[in-house]
């Protein structure tokens, strides 16, 4: 269901209130628990993601970032408010690769292709194409135990892309990787996002990661999660995580995040 979203262009969470959108959350609330004892997790979230836009979500642990992503993915329903994804169900990539260890890299991707309705005769060719896209050409027959952590995440990314959605949801997909592997995958996801013109909603605890990747960084307050502030990132891509522009903006955002954490502790 689509509902009108009325916000100021400068308001937190406004994003692109007019024109086309890939994802739109309007006055979304989420609580967990029984009536009378329900704990609010998200409170009045208004967020619009434009087609082809890369948005990162930041916030302290427990602020509702992953809950918000699950709602957009359709894995849960909001207590109130509306979520509209006009292109259909988004693709979702988790922190854990969640690959089936008894299948090869290619067969893991083919499973997603089958669920997406791709004909059996075309699946292997498409799986190999997706492996090439994530720079794992020749890995179709490799088992999961033969792949490094970074390679497993690449396969998981290819499997997400196999779903054919123009909206990609990513829940801290690189958090468990070492710094060098994470740096390489930052380059890869930036390249793939640009090539395929995806709308990406990316959850992270890492401020520098958020600034390096995003066109827009959205900060959630501590529970209940509300959109506290957002930043539009005008730095050209590709960016380096150690570059001065990324570092300077990361310092500013980190101070805001610390303020949100302090306010939560004081209350």
Protein backbone atom coordinates (compact mmCIF):
# COMPACT_ATOMS: atom_id res chain seq x y z
CA UNK A 1 0.00 0.00 0.00
CA UNK A 2 1.32 3.44 -0.91
CA UNK A 3 0.59 6.44 1.31
CA UNK A 4 1.59 10.08 0.99
CA UNK A 5 4.72 11.12 2.86
CA UNK A 6 4.80 14.75 3.89
CA UNK A 7 8.11 15.99 5.26
CA UNK A 8 10.42 18.92 4.75
CA UNK A 9 13.36 18.17 2.42
CA UNK A 10 15.67 19.18 5.27
CA UNK A 11 13.93 17.12 7.93
CA UNK A 12 15.65 14.01 9.32
CA UNK A 13 14.64 11.02 7.24
CA UNK A 14 13.09 13.07 4.47
CA UNK A 15 15.42 11.76 1.80
CA UNK A 16 13.57 12.29 -1.50
CA UNK A 17 9.95 13.02 -0.50
CA UNK A 18 8.95 13.86 -4.07
CA UNK A 19 9.21 11.81 -7.24
CA UNK A 20 10.23 8.21 -7.61
CA UNK A 21 11.41 6.14 -4.68
CA UNK A 22 12.76 2.65 -4.11
CA UNK A 23 11.79 2.39 -0.42
CA UNK A 24 9.54 4.58 1.68
CA UNK A 25 8.71 4.26 5.37
CA UNK A 26 5.96 6.50 6.65
CA UNK A 27 5.34 6.98 10.40
CA UNK A 28 6.61 3.48 11.17
CA UNK A 29 6.41 2.30 14.77
CA UNK A 30 7.52 -1.09 16.07
CA UNK A 31 7.07 -2.55 19.53
CA UNK A 32 7.83 -5.99 20.92
CA UNK A 33 5.97 -7.69 23.75
CA UNK A 34 2.42 -8.10 24.97
CA UNK A 35 -0.05 -5.23 25.26
CA UNK A 36 0.65 -3.27 28.43
CA UNK A 37 4.27 -4.42 28.60
CA UNK A 38 5.29 -3.72 25.01
CA UNK A 39 8.73 -2.15 24.56
CA UNK A 40 9.00 0.43 21.74
CA UNK A 41 11.90 -0.27 19.39
CA UNK A 42 11.22 2.15 16.52
CA UNK A 43 9.25 5.38 16.86
CA UNK A 44 7.79 7.41 13.97
CA UNK A 45 10.35 6.51 11.31
CA UNK A 46 9.98 8.49 8.08
CA UNK A 47 12.61 7.51 5.54
CA UNK A 48 12.72 7.60 1.76
CA UNK A 49 15.41 5.94 -0.35
CA UNK A 50 15.60 7.01 -3.99
CA UNK A 51 16.25 4.57 -6.85
CA UNK A 52 20.00 4.05 -7.10
CA UNK A 53 20.72 5.74 -3.77
CA UNK A 54 23.16 4.28 -1.22
CA UNK A 55 22.01 4.98 2.36
CA UNK A 56 23.74 3.79 5.52
CA UNK A 57 22.05 3.43 8.91
CA UNK A 58 24.11 4.15 12.02
CA UNK A 59 23.27 3.96 15.71
CA UNK A 60 24.19 2.40 19.02
CA UNK A 61 23.55 -1.29 19.63
CA UNK A 62 19.88 -1.95 20.25
CA UNK A 63 18.62 1.18 18.51
CA UNK A 64 16.55 -0.82 16.01
CA UNK A 65 18.70 -0.74 12.85
CA UNK A 66 18.36 -4.45 12.10
CA UNK A 67 14.68 -4.37 13.07
CA UNK A 68 14.13 -1.59 10.54
CA UNK A 69 15.91 -3.63 7.86
CA UNK A 70 13.79 -6.70 8.68
CA UNK A 71 10.64 -4.63 8.31
CA UNK A 72 11.70 -3.36 4.88
CA UNK A 73 12.61 -6.94 3.89
CA UNK A 74 9.12 -8.10 4.82
CA UNK A 75 10.39 -10.47 7.53
CA UNK A 76 8.27 -8.66 10.12
CA UNK A 77 5.46 -6.13 10.15
CA UNK A 78 5.38 -2.68 11.71
CA UNK A 79 3.11 -2.13 14.67
CA UNK A 80 1.79 0.91 12.81
CA UNK A 81 2.73 2.98 9.79
CA UNK A 82 3.37 1.91 6.20
CA UNK A 83 6.34 0.58 4.25
CA UNK A 84 6.28 0.74 0.48
CA UNK A 85 8.76 -1.00 -1.84
CA UNK A 86 7.19 -0.56 -5.28
CA UNK A 87 9.69 -2.85 -7.03
CA UNK A 88 8.76 -5.89 -4.96
CA UNK A 89 10.58 -7.78 -2.23
CA UNK A 90 14.13 -6.49 -1.65
CA UNK A 91 17.21 -8.71 -1.58
CA UNK A 92 18.73 -9.15 1.88
CA UNK A 93 22.35 -9.89 2.81
CA UNK A 94 23.15 -10.79 6.42
CA UNK A 95 26.31 -10.45 8.52
CA UNK A 96 26.71 -14.23 8.37
CA UNK A 97 27.03 -15.55 4.82
CA UNK A 98 24.39 -18.26 5.55
CA UNK A 99 25.58 -20.39 2.64
CA UNK A 100 24.55 -24.05 2.52
CA UNK A 101 27.80 -25.96 3.17
CA UNK A 102 26.68 -29.05 1.24
CA UNK A 103 26.27 -27.00 -1.95
CA UNK A 104 28.97 -25.49 -4.14
CA UNK A 105 29.27 -21.73 -4.55
CA UNK A 106 27.46 -21.97 -7.86
CA UNK A 107 24.66 -24.17 -6.53
CA UNK A 108 24.08 -21.75 -3.63
CA UNK A 109 23.48 -19.03 -6.19
CA UNK A 110 21.36 -21.31 -8.37
CA UNK A 111 19.03 -21.92 -5.45
CA UNK A 112 18.26 -18.19 -5.31
CA UNK A 113 17.85 -18.14 -9.08
CA UNK A 114 15.34 -21.00 -8.89
CA UNK A 115 13.33 -19.14 -6.27
CA UNK A 116 13.45 -16.08 -8.53
CA UNK A 117 11.89 -18.09 -11.34
CA UNK A 118 14.94 -18.46 -13.59
CA UNK A 119 14.63 -21.47 -15.92
CA UNK A 120 16.74 -24.48 -14.97
CA UNK A 121 18.60 -24.43 -18.29
CA UNK A 122 19.76 -20.84 -17.64
CA UNK A 123 20.78 -21.10 -13.99
CA UNK A 124 24.37 -22.24 -14.30
CA UNK A 125 25.20 -19.59 -16.90
CA UNK A 126 23.62 -16.89 -14.75
CA UNK A 127 25.35 -18.16 -11.59
CA UNK A 128 28.70 -18.05 -13.37
CA UNK A 129 27.94 -14.53 -14.59
CA UNK A 130 27.18 -13.40 -11.04
CA UNK A 131 30.36 -15.02 -9.74
CA UNK A 132 32.28 -13.09 -12.40
CA UNK A 133 30.51 -9.91 -11.27
CA UNK A 134 31.81 -10.35 -7.70
CA UNK A 135 35.27 -11.31 -9.05
CA UNK A 136 34.99 -15.02 -8.23
CA UNK A 137 35.11 -16.35 -11.77
CA UNK A 138 36.06 -20.03 -11.83
CA UNK A 139 34.68 -20.70 -8.33
CA UNK A 140 31.39 -22.28 -9.41
CA UNK A 141 32.37 -25.77 -8.18
CA UNK A 142 34.12 -24.71 -4.97
CA UNK A 143 32.62 -25.88 -1.68
CA UNK A 144 32.02 -23.42 1.13
CA UNK A 145 34.87 -24.84 3.24
CA UNK A 146 37.26 -24.08 0.37
CA UNK A 147 36.42 -20.38 0.44
CA UNK A 148 37.92 -17.68 2.66
CA UNK A 149 35.67 -15.42 4.72
CA UNK A 150 35.82 -12.68 2.12
CA UNK A 151 35.07 -15.12 -0.69
CA UNK A 152 32.07 -16.48 1.20
CA UNK A 153 30.69 -12.96 1.54
CA UNK A 154 31.19 -12.43 -2.18
CA UNK A 155 29.16 -15.57 -2.88
CA UNK A 156 26.50 -14.34 -0.45
CA UNK A 157 26.45 -11.02 -2.32
CA UNK A 158 26.10 -12.83 -5.66
CA UNK A 159 23.25 -14.88 -4.20
CA UNK A 160 21.53 -11.67 -3.08
CA UNK A 161 21.93 -10.17 -6.54
CA UNK A 162 20.47 -13.37 -8.02
CA UNK A 163 17.11 -12.37 -6.57
CA UNK A 164 16.88 -9.71 -9.26
CA UNK A 165 15.75 -6.88 -6.98
CA UNK A 166 16.80 -3.27 -7.50
CA UNK A 167 16.80 -2.83 -3.71
CA UNK A 168 19.61 -4.43 -1.69
CA UNK A 169 19.44 -4.56 2.11
CA UNK A 170 22.75 -5.25 3.89
CA UNK A 171 22.94 -5.96 7.62
CA UNK A 172 26.58 -5.44 8.70
CA UNK A 173 27.81 -7.81 5.97
CA UNK A 174 31.51 -7.05 6.49
CA UNK A 175 31.65 -6.76 10.29
CA UNK A 176 33.31 -10.14 10.87
CA UNK A 177 36.05 -9.64 8.27
CA UNK A 178 39.59 -8.42 8.77
CA UNK A 179 40.40 -4.82 7.85
CA UNK A 180 42.12 -5.57 4.53
CA UNK A 181 39.39 -7.91 3.29
CA UNK A 182 36.75 -5.41 4.37
CA UNK A 183 38.57 -2.65 2.48
CA UNK A 184 38.60 -4.74 -0.70
CA UNK A 185 34.89 -5.55 -0.36
CA UNK A 186 34.08 -1.87 0.14
CA UNK A 187 35.54 -1.28 -3.31
CA UNK A 188 33.57 -4.19 -4.73
CA UNK A 189 30.19 -3.19 -3.35
CA UNK A 190 30.74 0.40 -4.51
CA UNK A 191 31.56 -0.86 -8.01
CA UNK A 192 28.58 -3.23 -8.16
CA UNK A 193 26.20 -0.59 -6.77
CA UNK A 194 27.30 1.84 -9.49
CA UNK A 195 27.19 -0.75 -12.29
CA UNK A 196 23.75 -2.10 -11.41
CA UNK A 197 22.30 1.22 -10.14
CA UNK A 198 20.91 -0.43 -7.03
CA UNK A 199 19.20 1.25 -4.13
CA UNK A 200 21.14 0.09 -1.06
CA UNK A 201 20.15 0.33 2.61
CA UNK A 202 23.23 -0.66 4.62
CA UNK A 203 23.36 -1.17 8.40
CA UNK A 204 26.69 -0.71 10.17
CA UNK A 205 28.25 0.21 13.52
CA UNK A 206 31.36 1.47 11.76
CA UNK A 207 31.19 5.24 11.18
CA UNK A 208 34.04 5.31 8.68
CA UNK A 209 32.48 2.46 6.74
CA UNK A 210 29.22 4.40 6.61
CA UNK A 211 30.91 7.54 5.31
CA UNK A 212 33.08 5.70 2.82
CA UNK A 213 30.17 3.91 1.17
CA UNK A 214 27.12 6.13 1.37
CA UNK A 215 25.55 9.02 -0.42
CA UNK A 216 23.57 9.61 2.76
CA UNK A 217 24.19 8.62 6.37
CA UNK A 218 21.18 8.34 8.70
CA UNK A 219 21.73 8.31 12.47
CA UNK A 220 19.18 6.58 14.71
CA UNK A 221 18.77 7.58 18.33
CA UNK A 222 18.98 5.00 21.08
CA UNK A 223 15.87 3.00 21.87
CA UNK A 224 13.33 3.74 20.81
CA UNK A 225 15.01 4.35 17.48
CA UNK A 226 14.16 7.67 15.90
CA UNK A 227 15.90 9.42 13.04
CA UNK A 228 18.09 11.91 14.90
CA UNK A 229 20.06 13.41 12.03
CA UNK A 230 21.31 12.71 8.54
CA UNK A 231 24.23 13.79 6.37
CA UNK A 232 24.49 13.94 2.59
CA UNK A 233 27.95 12.86 1.43
CA UNK A 234 29.29 14.84 -1.52
CA UNK A 235 32.74 13.22 -1.60
CA UNK A 236 33.47 11.60 -4.99
CA UNK A 237 33.58 7.83 -5.35
CA UNK A 238 35.60 5.71 -5.10
CA UNK A 239 36.68 6.85 -1.61
CA UNK A 240 39.44 5.67 0.65
CA UNK A 241 38.60 4.93 4.27
CA UNK A 242 41.74 6.79 5.37
CA UNK A 243 41.13 9.89 3.21
CA UNK A 244 40.89 13.29 4.90
CA UNK A 245 37.31 13.94 3.80
CA UNK A 246 36.09 10.60 5.15
CA UNK A 247 38.03 11.09 8.39
CA UNK A 248 36.73 14.62 9.00
CA UNK A 249 33.08 13.73 8.49
CA UNK A 250 33.51 10.54 10.53
CA UNK A 251 34.69 12.62 13.49
CA UNK A 252 31.60 14.84 13.24
CA UNK A 253 29.21 11.90 13.01
CA UNK A 254 30.98 10.04 15.84
CA UNK A 255 30.44 13.03 18.13
CA UNK A 256 26.73 13.02 17.31
CA UNK A 257 26.59 9.27 17.97
CA UNK A 258 28.32 9.70 21.33
CA UNK A 259 25.79 12.38 22.21
CA UNK A 260 22.92 10.03 21.45
CA UNK A 261 24.50 7.31 23.60
CA UNK A 262 25.03 9.76 26.49
CA UNK A 263 21.41 10.92 26.31
CA UNK A 264 20.25 7.31 26.47
CA UNK A 265 22.44 6.56 29.50
CA UNK A 266 21.26 9.68 31.33
CA UNK A 267 17.66 8.59 30.88
